[in-house]
Amino acid sequence: MKELANFAGYQLVWFCAVIAAGRGLAWPGALAAAVFIVWQLAVSEQRGADARLLLVALPTGALIDGALAASGAAAYAAPWPSTAFAPVWILGLWCAFAMTLNHTLRFLHGRIALAALFGAIGGPLAYLGAARGWGAVEFAPPRWPALAWLALGWGVAMPVLAQLAQRWLRADDMPLHGGAQVPR
């Protein structure tokens, strides 16, 4: 049941972010992401691992989406704080996404090839959905360089994030001396 709530919560954040961005608003997506993250950290039994993933996902998203924006290959709607960087709403999505890696996407732990395939296909498809459905992102013609960058970025990011999630989850579960568990 917790995985279903995690999945539904992330999907709500995604729709809130892309629909609002398509209407020129950055703050609803950022707020929805913040609420989801706070809620997820409050109920998570893997709080430490989840928090560390968030701290890795944020610069990863800033790099992948920031490079896309800076290159001119894509333009994000609601580009606050700047058109040359990843907008706050997309960074919020990266952080919210990090909260799924030990929950909804736990099946990717230890499956590097599957995680890479999942990222390389799913990442660009999500951006295409945001572009075509709500105008949250616009790709410069021809679209293939931007989609190739997203496939590469997500294809690398997913297995790295999944491996970190697995490692940090195991580290949080390792017993201390005397058999006590590490607090989560």
Protein backbone atom coordinates (compact mmCIF):
# COMPACT_ATOMS: atom_id res chain seq x y z
CA MET A 1 0.00 0.00 0.00
CA LYS A 2 2.89 2.38 0.74
CA GLU A 3 4.29 1.81 -2.76
CA LEU A 4 0.93 2.69 -4.29
CA ALA A 5 0.77 5.91 -2.27
CA ASN A 6 4.36 6.72 -3.31
CA PHE A 7 3.53 6.12 -6.98
CA ALA A 8 0.30 8.13 -6.84
CA GLY A 9 1.99 10.97 -4.95
CA TYR A 10 4.77 11.26 -7.50
CA GLN A 11 2.30 11.17 -10.40
CA LEU A 12 0.31 13.99 -8.79
CA VAL A 13 3.49 16.04 -8.47
CA TRP A 14 4.40 15.38 -12.12
CA PHE A 15 0.99 16.42 -13.42
CA CYS A 16 0.86 19.48 -11.16
CA ALA A 17 4.33 20.57 -12.29
CA VAL A 18 3.87 20.12 -16.04
CA ILE A 19 0.33 21.47 -16.22
CA ALA A 20 1.22 24.55 -14.17
CA ALA A 21 4.46 25.11 -16.10
CA GLY A 22 2.55 24.88 -19.36
CA ARG A 23 0.41 27.72 -18.05
CA GLY A 24 3.48 29.77 -17.13
CA LEU A 25 3.59 28.99 -13.40
CA ALA A 26 6.67 27.51 -11.76
CA TRP A 27 5.58 27.61 -8.11
CA PRO A 28 2.76 24.99 -8.10
CA GLY A 29 5.13 22.23 -9.24
CA ALA A 30 7.84 23.28 -6.80
CA LEU A 31 5.29 23.44 -3.95
CA ALA A 32 3.76 20.07 -4.86
CA ALA A 33 7.24 18.53 -4.95
CA ALA A 34 8.12 20.03 -1.56
CA VAL A 35 4.91 18.73 0.03
CA PHE A 36 5.47 15.25 -1.44
CA ILE A 37 9.08 15.17 -0.27
CA VAL A 38 8.22 16.27 3.27
CA TRP A 39 5.40 13.71 3.44
CA GLN A 40 7.57 10.93 2.01
CA LEU A 41 10.42 11.64 4.43
CA ALA A 42 7.95 11.72 7.34
CA VAL A 43 6.50 8.27 6.56
CA SER A 44 9.55 6.57 5.09
CA GLU A 45 11.33 3.77 6.90
CA GLN A 46 14.35 4.59 4.71
CA ARG A 47 14.54 8.28 5.59
CA GLY A 48 18.35 8.50 5.55
CA ALA A 49 18.74 6.76 2.20
CA ASP A 50 15.88 8.81 0.72
CA ALA A 51 17.42 12.08 1.89
CA ARG A 52 20.82 11.17 0.44
CA LEU A 53 19.19 10.30 -2.89
CA LEU A 54 17.51 13.68 -2.94
CA LEU A 55 20.90 15.35 -2.48
CA VAL A 56 22.28 13.46 -5.51
CA ALA A 57 19.20 13.83 -7.73
CA LEU A 58 19.12 17.62 -7.41
CA PRO A 59 22.55 18.30 -8.99
CA THR A 60 21.97 15.48 -11.48
CA GLY A 61 18.78 17.17 -12.69
CA ALA A 62 20.47 20.56 -12.69
CA LEU A 63 23.20 19.14 -14.94
CA ILE A 64 20.99 17.21 -17.37
CA ASP A 65 18.20 19.77 -17.70
CA GLY A 66 20.48 22.76 -17.28
CA ALA A 67 22.66 21.61 -20.17
CA LEU A 68 19.57 21.06 -22.30
CA ALA A 69 18.32 24.60 -21.58
CA ALA A 70 21.73 26.25 -21.92
CA SER A 71 22.33 24.57 -25.29
CA GLY A 72 19.06 25.89 -26.67
CA ALA A 73 17.95 22.36 -27.58
CA ALA A 74 14.93 22.83 -25.35
CA ALA A 75 13.06 25.73 -23.80
CA TYR A 76 11.14 25.18 -20.59
CA ALA A 77 7.87 26.91 -19.89
CA ALA A 78 7.92 28.85 -16.62
CA PRO A 79 11.74 29.02 -16.79
CA TRP A 80 12.23 30.65 -13.39
CA PRO A 81 14.89 31.51 -12.25
CA SER A 82 16.49 31.71 -15.74
CA THR A 83 16.12 30.39 -19.27
CA ALA A 84 19.77 29.24 -19.21
CA PHE A 85 19.27 26.85 -16.26
CA ALA A 86 16.91 24.10 -15.26
CA PRO A 87 13.72 25.68 -13.92
CA VAL A 88 12.74 25.22 -10.30
CA TRP A 89 9.72 23.09 -11.19
CA ILE A 90 11.85 20.54 -13.07
CA LEU A 91 14.36 20.43 -10.21
CA GLY A 92 11.42 19.79 -7.89
CA LEU A 93 10.45 16.87 -10.13
CA TRP A 94 13.97 15.44 -9.88
CA CYS A 95 13.83 15.66 -6.08
CA ALA A 96 10.36 14.12 -5.94
CA PHE A 97 11.54 11.39 -8.33
CA ALA A 98 14.36 10.57 -5.90
CA MET A 99 11.69 9.72 -3.33
CA THR A 100 10.49 6.84 -5.55
CA LEU A 101 13.81 5.01 -5.83
CA ASN A 102 13.52 3.06 -2.56
CA HIS A 103 9.79 2.59 -2.91
CA THR A 104 7.95 2.40 -6.25
CA LEU A 105 11.16 1.86 -8.24
CA ARG A 106 12.84 -0.47 -5.77
CA PHE A 107 12.58 -3.26 -8.36
CA LEU A 108 15.46 -1.52 -10.20
CA HIS A 109 17.91 -2.12 -7.33
CA GLY A 110 20.74 -4.32 -8.58
CA ARG A 111 19.40 -4.36 -12.15
CA ILE A 112 21.78 -1.99 -13.90
CA ALA A 113 20.78 -2.85 -17.49
CA LEU A 114 17.07 -2.63 -16.71
CA ALA A 115 17.55 0.69 -14.89
CA ALA A 116 19.54 2.08 -17.84
CA LEU A 117 16.87 0.94 -20.30
CA PHE A 118 14.10 2.29 -18.08
CA GLY A 119 15.84 5.68 -17.90
CA ALA A 120 16.84 5.86 -21.56
CA ILE A 121 13.29 5.19 -22.72
CA GLY A 122 11.16 6.54 -19.87
CA GLY A 123 13.01 9.82 -19.40
CA PRO A 124 12.56 11.13 -22.96
CA LEU A 125 8.97 9.82 -23.09
CA ALA A 126 8.08 11.82 -19.97
CA TYR A 127 9.51 14.97 -21.55
CA LEU A 128 7.64 14.30 -24.79
CA GLY A 129 4.43 13.89 -22.79
CA ALA A 130 5.08 17.15 -20.98
CA ALA A 131 5.80 18.86 -24.31
CA ARG A 132 2.90 17.52 -26.34
CA GLY A 133 0.28 17.32 -23.61
CA TRP A 134 0.85 20.57 -21.75
CA GLY A 135 3.50 22.65 -23.51
CA ALA A 136 5.79 22.48 -20.47
CA VAL A 137 8.87 22.09 -22.68
CA GLU A 138 9.54 22.88 -26.31
CA PHE A 139 12.25 21.15 -28.30
CA ALA A 140 14.20 23.07 -30.93
CA PRO A 141 14.07 21.46 -34.37
CA PRO A 142 15.33 18.93 -35.06
CA ARG A 143 14.21 17.27 -31.83
CA TRP A 144 16.50 14.27 -31.96
CA PRO A 145 19.58 15.91 -30.33
CA ALA A 146 17.55 16.93 -27.28
CA LEU A 147 15.89 13.51 -27.05
CA ALA A 148 19.27 11.80 -27.48
CA TRP A 149 20.71 13.94 -24.66
CA LEU A 150 17.77 13.02 -22.43
CA ALA A 151 18.12 9.33 -23.29
CA LEU A 152 21.83 9.46 -22.48
CA GLY A 153 21.36 11.50 -19.30
CA TRP A 154 18.52 9.40 -17.94
CA GLY A 155 20.15 6.20 -19.18
CA VAL A 156 23.17 6.97 -17.01
CA ALA A 157 21.35 8.62 -14.10
CA MET A 158 18.86 5.80 -13.47
CA PRO A 159 21.33 2.98 -12.85
CA VAL A 160 23.57 5.25 -10.79
CA LEU A 161 20.65 6.42 -8.65
CA ALA A 162 19.28 2.88 -8.33
CA GLN A 163 22.69 1.54 -7.26
CA LEU A 164 23.10 4.35 -4.72
CA ALA A 165 19.60 3.68 -3.42
CA GLN A 166 20.42 0.01 -2.92
CA ARG A 167 23.79 0.74 -1.30
CA TRP A 168 22.42 3.36 1.09
CA LEU A 169 19.43 1.21 1.96
CA ARG A 170 21.76 -1.64 2.89
CA ALA A 171 24.02 0.72 4.86
CA ASP A 172 21.04 1.98 6.87
CA ASP A 173 20.04 -1.62 7.68
CA MET A 174 23.50 -2.75 8.83
CA PRO A 175 23.67 -3.51 12.53
CA LEU A 176 25.98 -1.59 14.80
CA HIS A 177 28.14 -3.29 17.43
CA GLY A 178 26.00 -5.09 19.94
CA GLY A 179 23.22 -5.83 17.43
CA ALA A 180 21.52 -2.42 17.54
CA GLN A 181 20.17 -1.11 14.27
CA VAL A 182 21.24 2.16 12.69
CA PRO A 183 18.43 4.67 13.21
CA ARG A 184 16.50 5.65 10.09
